[in-house]
């Protein structure tokens, strides 16, 4: 994308407001004023000569051309219109002393243009105005509302640092952030046009403090070098009543705006009925257009729902322990006493400070704490119940200790599973189903073997939740996604999913969608043989009746050889699965030459996500932090703040129009000047 010069940036206050009167140039107008025959004449409009300074007159004398963007205007164009052009298109133009020194292709603080940047003799005001750009990036990265700029303490801080610095008003910062959002969104759109594989979508939903429902749409794909990519496409407001049709409307607008109609293959959603309805409607639309499209519910949300069933009876006990540990974490004396008790009773090991977040990890940490250090917990509770418990008894009765120990033993495998899921780099559908199948086996075993009635009832509820999910997710499409993971294949696919019917559907999908793209591969027809063109035979031979008996034998033999090698899927499945420690994408990178057609299918379907969100957003304190950041943002800030922040993390350049802003180089330049 073409970049432009420093003066293309809104580096001064009021930069994006149209028709801003900068108040410069009036003295020269007074000096040039005159009278005719002693009669005063109407003075020219202020700043006329300065406006013309930024335009060059064509050789024919009929047009003027902007020195910055080369846009032409008639020579008769009013100078006020020229001024509006400068203010709207090139805010900050009046802060550069010599416009002739600035070319139209300068990138701010880019290494390749550092010489051009250093040649710009800018007034000191520009350095102070750069503060606004750093403030803008800070607010975006921290997901803070732009009303922060109106906080009196915040303003006082900057007046203390530099009384001459002028912070952008909130409205201006919001308008600039919207321009940055639009510019960077164009970069995202352009990058997606170069993607050769299918793109898989994930949807995430949340509600803000204004009771507005939002949906984030994220695209995933695997490139030709077998690297996984992920980019946020947009954040949409879902209109009331927030049902399936409203979600579908917002989703299809995102798909169309990025020209993905022909390239999406799947959508992974949270397990809400409304999201499922929207995806079902979208799948029906795709089916009517003969385009393969599938949607699957989120495995992480399903696992969270199962775990909530396992903790439902212990929530009151966990709340008491959590409240106690929050106080201990914040009370130095109590924390030191607790550590001494742990050492005295040789309990642990424990990691300090204790995780008290209201997440699955936090809940399990509370169980683990009581399980590993019951004496330390009990004695510290007794010692500090006056100060921490407000005079109320915090100690746990023996029955509660017993229940915690039993449930801790049961849920320990769940915790290991969620931890593994959170730390796995590539969470394919096959791997997610493998983990959930393991969880289902644990639940079944507990339900059948436990002698505790309350635990049997709890396990039965968890089993029903697991069955509800598998009933939605087990189908031919998820079977295809699972077996293409070289660690899973058919050997580790859940039994309920591993059917011959699904295998035949997978083979049919492979031959139908991935064989016809190459003429040298045979395309299976209804009678099991390929047509003449696909088989590589001359149409003149195929259509003639004078085919010799020898040629007929040769043709059959060729068909026989092709039929033995045509089905790469069967050949792939005959080989044993790779080790679970294997990187699935590395395996395909090394073996794609052996399975040229199947590897294309694998590249498309391994990008399908088994979870609609990062699992640590559901199972760790990271989800709480993310919720707080989203929840507090007002409507006008949500899209530019969250999208731009995500795009920066994905490697896209911070950009306004055609101009990139390299903050690191700006910092280095500023430090160098001060040095």
Foldseek 3Di string as FASTA:
>chain_A
DFAFWPQQDQLDAVQQPFPDDPPPQPVVQVVPADPDPPHGDDGDDGCLVVLCVQWDADPVRQWIAGQAPRDIDGNPDDSSVSRRCCSNRGGPPVQFDDPVLTHTRDFALDPVCVVSVVPTPGDPLSLLSVVQVVVLVVCLQLLHQLCVQVDPVVVVVVCVVPVPRDHHHSVVSLVQLVLLLVQLLVVVLVVVVPAPAAKEWFWDWDAFLVRWIKIWIKIWFAHPLLDIAIATNFMDTQDPPNAQVSVLVRVVVSCVVSVNPQRHAEYEYAPDPRPVSNQVVVCVVCVVVVHHHYYAYALLNLLLVLVCLLCVVVVVVLVLLLLLLVVCLVDVVLVVQLVVLCVVVVFDDDDPPQDSDPFQVNSLSSLVCCQGRVRSSQVSQVVCCVPRVVPDRSHDDPVSSVVSNVSNVLCVLVVVLLVCLLPDPQAFLQNSQLSLLVNLVSLVCCLVPDPDPVSVVSSVVSNVSSVVNCVRHQDLLSLLRNLLQLQDHLVRHDPVNNDVVSVVVNQVCLLVPQQVVDLCAARQDPVGGGDQRSVPHDPVQVPDPPDDPVNVVVVVVSRVVNVVPRRVVVVSRVDHGDHPVDDSSVVCSVCCVVVVRVSSVNSRSSRHHSRSDNSCLRGHCVVVSVSVSQRHYDPSSNTSSNNVSSVVVSPGFSDRNSHGHDVVSVVVVVVVVVD
